[in-house]
N, C-alpha and C. Protein backbone atom coordinates (compact mmCIF):
# COMPACT_ATOMS: atom_id res chain seq x y z
N UNK A 1 2.61 -4.56 6.33
CA UNK A 1 1.36 -4.06 5.81
C UNK A 1 0.24 -4.54 6.73
N UNK A 2 -0.64 -3.64 7.09
CA UNK A 2 -1.76 -3.98 7.97
C UNK A 2 -3.02 -3.33 7.43
N UNK A 3 -4.07 -4.11 7.29
CA UNK A 3 -5.36 -3.61 6.79
C UNK A 3 -5.21 -2.90 5.45
N UNK A 4 -4.27 -3.35 4.64
CA UNK A 4 -4.06 -2.75 3.33
C UNK A 4 -3.34 -1.42 3.36
N UNK A 5 -2.80 -1.06 4.52
CA UNK A 5 -2.09 0.22 4.65
C UNK A 5 -0.61 -0.02 4.93
N UNK A 6 0.20 0.90 4.52
CA UNK A 6 1.63 0.83 4.79
C UNK A 6 1.99 2.05 5.63
N UNK A 7 2.59 1.84 6.79
CA UNK A 7 3.02 2.93 7.64
C UNK A 7 4.38 3.41 7.16
N UNK A 8 4.49 4.69 6.89
CA UNK A 8 5.77 5.29 6.49
C UNK A 8 6.09 6.35 7.53
N UNK A 9 7.02 6.04 8.40
CA UNK A 9 7.42 6.99 9.44
C UNK A 9 8.37 8.05 8.90
N UNK A 10 8.91 8.82 9.81
CA UNK A 10 9.83 9.90 9.44
C UNK A 10 11.25 9.50 9.86
N UNK A 11 12.12 9.13 8.91
CA UNK A 11 13.47 8.71 9.26
C UNK A 11 14.48 9.86 9.33
N UNK A 12 14.02 11.09 9.18
CA UNK A 12 14.92 12.24 9.06
C UNK A 12 15.32 12.73 10.46
N UNK A 13 16.61 12.66 10.75
CA UNK A 13 17.11 13.12 12.05
C UNK A 13 17.21 14.64 12.05
N UNK A 14 16.85 15.29 13.17
CA UNK A 14 16.97 16.75 13.27
C UNK A 14 18.42 17.18 13.04
N UNK A 15 18.61 18.18 12.19
CA UNK A 15 19.99 18.57 11.84
C UNK A 15 20.49 19.80 12.58
N UNK A 16 19.64 20.47 13.38
CA UNK A 16 20.13 21.65 14.08
C UNK A 16 21.13 21.28 15.17
N UNK A 17 21.20 20.02 15.56
CA UNK A 17 22.16 19.58 16.57
C UNK A 17 23.54 19.34 15.97
N UNK A 18 23.65 19.52 14.67
CA UNK A 18 24.91 19.29 13.96
C UNK A 18 25.42 20.58 13.33
N UNK A 19 25.11 21.72 13.94
CA UNK A 19 25.65 22.99 13.48
C UNK A 19 24.85 23.69 12.39
N UNK A 20 23.69 23.17 12.04
CA UNK A 20 22.84 23.81 11.03
C UNK A 20 21.94 24.82 11.73
N UNK A 21 21.77 25.99 11.13
CA UNK A 21 20.89 27.01 11.71
C UNK A 21 19.47 26.45 11.89
N UNK A 22 18.81 26.83 12.97
CA UNK A 22 17.50 26.27 13.30
C UNK A 22 16.49 26.41 12.17
N UNK A 23 16.44 27.57 11.52
CA UNK A 23 15.45 27.78 10.45
C UNK A 23 15.79 27.02 9.18
N UNK A 24 17.02 26.55 9.05
CA UNK A 24 17.45 25.80 7.87
C UNK A 24 17.55 24.30 8.15
N UNK A 25 17.34 23.91 9.38
CA UNK A 25 17.51 22.51 9.78
C UNK A 25 16.33 21.66 9.31
N UNK A 26 16.63 20.47 8.85
CA UNK A 26 15.57 19.53 8.50
C UNK A 26 15.03 18.89 9.78
N UNK A 27 13.76 18.59 9.79
CA UNK A 27 13.05 18.01 10.94
C UNK A 27 13.37 18.78 12.22
N UNK A 28 13.36 20.09 12.15
CA UNK A 28 13.72 20.92 13.30
C UNK A 28 12.76 20.78 14.46
N UNK A 29 11.54 20.30 14.21
CA UNK A 29 10.56 20.11 15.27
C UNK A 29 10.67 18.73 15.92
N UNK A 30 11.52 17.88 15.38
CA UNK A 30 11.80 16.58 15.98
C UNK A 30 10.69 15.56 15.89
N UNK A 31 9.92 15.59 14.83
CA UNK A 31 8.82 14.63 14.66
C UNK A 31 9.34 13.29 14.16
N UNK A 32 8.87 12.21 14.78
CA UNK A 32 9.21 10.86 14.32
C UNK A 32 7.98 10.15 13.77
N UNK A 33 6.79 10.70 14.00
CA UNK A 33 5.57 10.01 13.58
C UNK A 33 5.03 10.48 12.24
N UNK A 34 5.61 11.53 11.69
CA UNK A 34 5.14 12.03 10.41
C UNK A 34 5.75 13.39 10.12
N UNK A 35 5.20 14.05 9.12
CA UNK A 35 5.72 15.35 8.69
C UNK A 35 5.13 16.47 9.54
N UNK A 36 5.99 17.37 10.00
CA UNK A 36 5.54 18.55 10.75
C UNK A 36 6.26 19.78 10.21
N UNK A 37 5.55 20.90 10.17
CA UNK A 37 6.13 22.19 9.80
C UNK A 37 5.47 23.26 10.66
N UNK A 38 6.13 24.40 10.80
CA UNK A 38 5.59 25.45 11.65
C UNK A 38 5.90 26.81 11.04
N UNK A 39 4.86 27.62 10.89
CA UNK A 39 5.05 29.01 10.49
C UNK A 39 5.35 29.82 11.75
N UNK A 40 6.25 30.76 11.65
CA UNK A 40 6.60 31.58 12.81
C UNK A 40 5.41 32.45 13.21
N UNK A 41 5.39 32.91 14.44
CA UNK A 41 4.24 33.63 15.00
C UNK A 41 3.85 34.87 14.20
N UNK A 42 4.81 35.63 13.74
CA UNK A 42 4.51 36.89 13.05
C UNK A 42 4.42 36.74 11.53
N UNK A 43 4.49 35.53 11.02
CA UNK A 43 4.49 35.33 9.57
C UNK A 43 3.13 34.83 9.09
N UNK A 44 2.96 34.86 7.79
CA UNK A 44 1.73 34.32 7.19
C UNK A 44 1.69 32.80 7.41
N UNK A 45 0.49 32.24 7.44
CA UNK A 45 0.33 30.81 7.71
C UNK A 45 1.01 29.93 6.67
N UNK A 46 1.19 30.43 5.46
CA UNK A 46 1.80 29.64 4.39
C UNK A 46 3.31 29.89 4.26
N UNK A 47 3.89 30.69 5.15
CA UNK A 47 5.32 31.03 5.06
C UNK A 47 6.12 30.09 5.95
N UNK A 48 6.72 29.08 5.35
CA UNK A 48 7.51 28.11 6.11
C UNK A 48 8.99 28.36 5.90
N UNK A 49 9.77 28.00 6.90
CA UNK A 49 11.22 28.16 6.81
C UNK A 49 11.81 27.16 5.80
N UNK A 50 13.00 27.47 5.34
CA UNK A 50 13.70 26.63 4.36
C UNK A 50 13.84 25.20 4.86
N UNK A 51 14.13 25.03 6.13
CA UNK A 51 14.30 23.70 6.70
C UNK A 51 13.04 22.87 6.64
N UNK A 52 11.88 23.50 6.86
CA UNK A 52 10.61 22.78 6.78
C UNK A 52 10.31 22.34 5.35
N UNK A 53 10.65 23.17 4.39
CA UNK A 53 10.45 22.82 2.98
C UNK A 53 11.37 21.66 2.60
N UNK A 54 12.62 21.71 3.05
CA UNK A 54 13.56 20.60 2.79
C UNK A 54 13.05 19.32 3.43
N UNK A 55 12.51 19.43 4.65
CA UNK A 55 11.96 18.27 5.34
C UNK A 55 10.83 17.65 4.54
N UNK A 56 9.93 18.48 4.02
CA UNK A 56 8.80 17.98 3.22
C UNK A 56 9.29 17.26 1.97
N UNK A 57 10.31 17.81 1.32
CA UNK A 57 10.86 17.17 0.12
C UNK A 57 11.49 15.82 0.46
N UNK A 58 12.27 15.77 1.53
CA UNK A 58 12.90 14.51 1.94
C UNK A 58 11.86 13.48 2.38
N UNK A 59 10.82 13.94 3.07
CA UNK A 59 9.76 13.04 3.51
C UNK A 59 9.03 12.46 2.31
N UNK A 60 8.76 13.29 1.31
CA UNK A 60 8.13 12.81 0.07
C UNK A 60 9.00 11.79 -0.65
N UNK A 61 10.30 12.04 -0.68
CA UNK A 61 11.23 11.08 -1.29
C UNK A 61 11.19 9.75 -0.55
N UNK A 62 11.10 9.80 0.78
CA UNK A 62 11.04 8.57 1.57
C UNK A 62 9.76 7.80 1.29
N UNK A 63 8.64 8.50 1.14
CA UNK A 63 7.38 7.83 0.81
C UNK A 63 7.49 7.18 -0.56
N UNK A 64 8.04 7.89 -1.54
CA UNK A 64 8.20 7.33 -2.89
C UNK A 64 9.11 6.11 -2.86
N UNK A 65 10.21 6.17 -2.12
CA UNK A 65 11.13 5.04 -2.01
C UNK A 65 10.43 3.83 -1.40
N UNK A 66 9.65 4.07 -0.35
CA UNK A 66 8.93 2.99 0.33
C UNK A 66 7.89 2.37 -0.59
N UNK A 67 7.13 3.20 -1.30
CA UNK A 67 6.11 2.67 -2.21
C UNK A 67 6.73 1.89 -3.35
N UNK A 68 7.86 2.35 -3.86
CA UNK A 68 8.56 1.61 -4.91
C UNK A 68 9.02 0.25 -4.40
N UNK A 69 9.43 0.18 -3.15
CA UNK A 69 9.87 -1.09 -2.57
C UNK A 69 8.72 -2.08 -2.47
N UNK A 70 7.50 -1.59 -2.25
CA UNK A 70 6.33 -2.46 -2.11
C UNK A 70 5.60 -2.71 -3.42
N UNK A 71 6.03 -2.10 -4.49
CA UNK A 71 5.35 -2.26 -5.77
C UNK A 71 5.39 -3.72 -6.20
N UNK A 72 4.25 -4.26 -6.47
CA UNK A 72 4.16 -5.65 -6.91
C UNK A 72 4.03 -6.65 -5.77
N UNK A 73 4.07 -6.19 -4.51
CA UNK A 73 3.91 -7.09 -3.36
C UNK A 73 2.44 -7.18 -3.02
N UNK A 74 1.93 -8.39 -2.88
CA UNK A 74 0.51 -8.58 -2.54
C UNK A 74 0.36 -8.95 -1.10
């Protein structure tokens, strides 16, 4: 903990290198510093691939797990 903040990185390894289709792969953009998602060029800005939505859910679970671990720590 630094300056009252907790850094929660992205522990999710890209899964497209393990036979998962690119649009269904978690962390397909290979971010290690935080959550990233990308809408395809011809799609609406809010239209994300299944893999990006899965990544966001897993990233949120990791944040919740980390915060629960620090609960009660001063």
